[in-house]
C-alpha atoms as a PDB file:
ATOM      1  CA  PHE A   1       0.549 -41.786   2.382  1.00  0.00           C
ATOM      2  CA  ALA A   2       2.569 -39.313   0.321  1.00  0.00           C
ATOM      3  CA  VAL A   3       1.125 -36.019  -0.827  1.00  0.00           C
ATOM      4  CA  THR A   4      -0.561 -36.320  -4.208  1.00  0.00           C
ATOM      5  CA  ASN A   5       1.146 -34.259  -6.907  1.00  0.00           C
ATOM      6  CA  TRP A   6      -1.160 -32.982  -9.636  1.00  0.00           C
ATOM      7  CA  GLU A   7       0.140 -32.072 -13.089  1.00  0.00           C
ATOM      8  CA  PRO A   8      -1.655 -30.689 -16.146  1.00  0.00           C
ATOM      9  CA  TYR A   9      -3.205 -33.523 -18.147  1.00  0.00           C
ATOM     10  CA  GLN A  10      -1.846 -33.764 -21.664  1.00  0.00           C
ATOM     11  CA  ARG A  11      -3.506 -36.254 -23.945  1.00  0.00           C
ATOM     12  CA  ALA A  12      -1.087 -38.320 -25.998  1.00  0.00           C
ATOM     13  CA  LYS A  13      -1.804 -38.331 -29.742  1.00  0.00           C
ATOM     14  CA  GLY A  14      -3.502 -41.483 -30.904  1.00  0.00           C
ATOM     15  CA  GLU A  15      -4.112 -42.781 -27.381  1.00  0.00           C
ATOM     16  CA  ARG A  16      -7.743 -43.225 -26.385  1.00  0.00           C
ATOM     17  CA  LEU A  17      -8.658 -42.141 -22.853  1.00  0.00           C
ATOM     18  CA  ARG A  18     -11.149 -44.436 -21.136  1.00  0.00           C
ATOM     19  CA  VAL A  19     -12.799 -43.340 -17.918  1.00  0.00           C
ATOM     20  CA  THR A  20     -14.181 -46.371 -16.080  1.00  0.00           C
ATOM     21  CA  GLU A  21     -14.960 -45.016 -12.597  1.00  0.00           C
ATOM     22  CA  THR A  22     -15.990 -41.679 -11.154  1.00  0.00           C
ATOM     23  CA  SER A  23     -15.865 -40.859  -7.470  1.00  0.00           C
ATOM     24  CA  CYS A  24     -18.990 -39.672  -5.718  1.00  0.00           C
ATOM     25  CA  CYS A  25     -19.752 -36.055  -6.525  1.00  0.00           C
ATOM     26  CA  GLY A  26     -17.609 -36.446  -9.661  1.00  0.00           C
ATOM     27  CA  GLU A  27     -14.476 -35.075  -8.009  1.00  0.00           C
ATOM     28  CA  TYR A  28     -12.112 -37.719  -9.446  1.00  0.00           C
ATOM     29  CA  GLU A  29     -12.115 -39.963 -12.503  1.00  0.00           C
ATOM     30  CA  TRP A  30     -10.283 -43.301 -12.812  1.00  0.00           C
ATOM     31  CA  ALA A  31      -8.977 -43.667 -16.355  1.00  0.00           C
ATOM     32  CA  CYS A  32      -6.752 -45.758 -18.603  1.00  0.00           C
ATOM     33  CA  GLN A  33      -4.691 -44.465 -21.504  1.00  0.00           C
ATOM     34  CA  GLY A  34      -2.079 -46.327 -23.497  1.00  0.00           C
ATOM     35  CA  GLY A  35      -1.834 -49.197 -21.030  1.00  0.00           C
ATOM     36  CA  GLU A  36      -1.364 -46.940 -18.007  1.00  0.00           C
ATOM     37  CA  PHE A  37      -3.853 -45.922 -15.342  1.00  0.00           C
ATOM     38  CA  LEU A  38      -4.268 -42.375 -14.072  1.00  0.00           C
ATOM     39  CA  ILE A  39      -6.586 -40.244 -11.984  1.00  0.00           C
ATOM     40  CA  LEU A  40      -8.086 -37.045 -13.378  1.00  0.00           C
ATOM     41  CA  ARG A  41      -9.739 -34.058 -11.747  1.00  0.00           C
ATOM     42  CA  TYR A  42     -11.144 -30.869 -13.230  1.00  0.00           C
ATOM     43  CA  ASN A  43      -9.618 -27.691 -11.787  1.00  0.00           C
ATOM     44  CA  GLY A  44     -12.040 -25.169 -13.297  1.00  0.00           C
ATOM     45  CA  SER A  45     -10.043 -24.476 -16.439  1.00  0.00           C
ATOM     46  CA  GLY A  46      -8.814 -27.911 -17.500  1.00  0.00           C
ATOM     47  CA  TYR A  47      -7.910 -31.368 -16.277  1.00  0.00           C
ATOM     48  CA  GLU A  48      -5.048 -32.386 -14.017  1.00  0.00           C
ATOM     49  CA  GLU A  49      -3.676 -35.887 -13.548  1.00  0.00           C
ATOM     50  CA  THR A  50      -1.913 -37.877 -10.858  1.00  0.00           C
ATOM     51  CA  GLY A  51      -0.891 -41.459 -10.164  1.00  0.00           C
ATOM     52  CA  ARG A  52      -0.034 -42.329 -13.775  1.00  0.00           C
ATOM     53  CA  GLY A  53       1.385 -45.822 -14.042  1.00  0.00           C
ATOM     54  CA  ARG A  54       0.499 -49.471 -14.309  1.00  0.00           C
ATOM     55  CA  TYR A  55       0.230 -50.364 -10.628  1.00  0.00           C
ATOM     56  CA  ALA A  56       0.578 -47.451  -8.187  1.00  0.00           C
ATOM     57  CA  ALA A  57      -2.421 -45.537  -9.504  1.00  0.00           C
ATOM     58  CA  ARG A  58      -4.979 -47.756  -7.741  1.00  0.00           C
ATOM     59  CA  LYS A  59      -3.463 -47.028  -4.323  1.00  0.00           C
ATOM     60  CA  VAL A  60      -3.602 -43.308  -5.095  1.00  0.00           C
ATOM     61  CA  TRP A  61      -7.252 -43.686  -6.221  1.00  0.00           C
ATOM     62  CA  GLU A  62      -8.244 -45.506  -3.039  1.00  0.00           C
ATOM     63  CA  HIS A  63      -6.522 -42.881  -0.898  1.00  0.00           C
ATOM     64  CA  LEU A  64      -8.217 -39.975  -2.715  1.00  0.00           C
ATOM     65  CA  VAL A  65     -11.671 -41.577  -2.537  1.00  0.00           C
ATOM     66  CA  GLN A  66     -11.279 -42.340   1.181  1.00  0.00           C
ATOM     67  CA  ALA A  67     -10.027 -38.815   1.925  1.00  0.00           C
ATOM     68  CA  HIS A  68     -12.991 -37.420  -0.010  1.00  0.00           C
ATOM     69  CA  LYS A  69     -15.400 -39.493   2.114  1.00  0.00           C
ATOM     70  CA  VAL A  70     -13.815 -38.080   5.275  1.00  0.00           C
ATOM     71  CA  ARG A  71     -14.138 -34.498   3.985  1.00  0.00           C
ATOM     72  CA  ALA A  72     -17.754 -35.094   2.967  1.00  0.00           C
ATOM     73  CA  THR A  73     -18.574 -36.493   6.397  1.00  0.00           C
ATOM     74  CA  ARG A  74     -16.999 -33.470   8.049  1.00  0.00           C
ATOM     75  CA  ARG A  75     -19.131 -31.203   5.847  1.00  0.00           C
ATOM     76  CA  ARG A  76     -22.131 -33.233   6.983  1.00  0.00           C
ATOM     77  CA  ALA A  77     -22.826 -34.443   3.461  1.00  0.00           C
ATOM     78  CA  SER A  78     -25.313 -37.202   2.990  1.00  0.00           C
ATOM     79  CA  PRO A  79     -23.511 -40.466   3.845  1.00  0.00           C
ATOM     80  CA  ASP A  80     -25.399 -42.221   1.012  1.00  0.00           C
ATOM     81  CA  ARG A  81     -23.532 -40.204  -1.601  1.00  0.00           C
ATOM     82  CA  CYS A  82     -20.148 -41.509  -0.448  1.00  0.00           C
ATOM     83  CA  GLN A  83     -21.056 -45.056   0.513  1.00  0.00           C
ATOM     84  CA  ASP A  84     -19.087 -47.052  -2.026  1.00  0.00           C
ATOM     85  CA  GLY A  85     -16.608 -44.493  -3.342  1.00  0.00           C
ATOM     86  CA  SER A  86     -17.898 -44.597  -6.872  1.00  0.00           C
END
């Protein structure tokens, strides 16, 4: 899987952002805006986005959630928190 490129999130005027899923621990948010899907994350000073598009975003989401589960397991996090990726 390709490296995920994060860019500053810029909200389009008049377009409502709808977050419909959040990964465990709240690291990533699955959102829709203006008919496109995207993934958001907070970097401490603002939001960044990746995977914007109609179709490819879900593959990026699944990859990020799975990679997060692996990192959490390595940190010996509670497996219950990362069970379903949401």
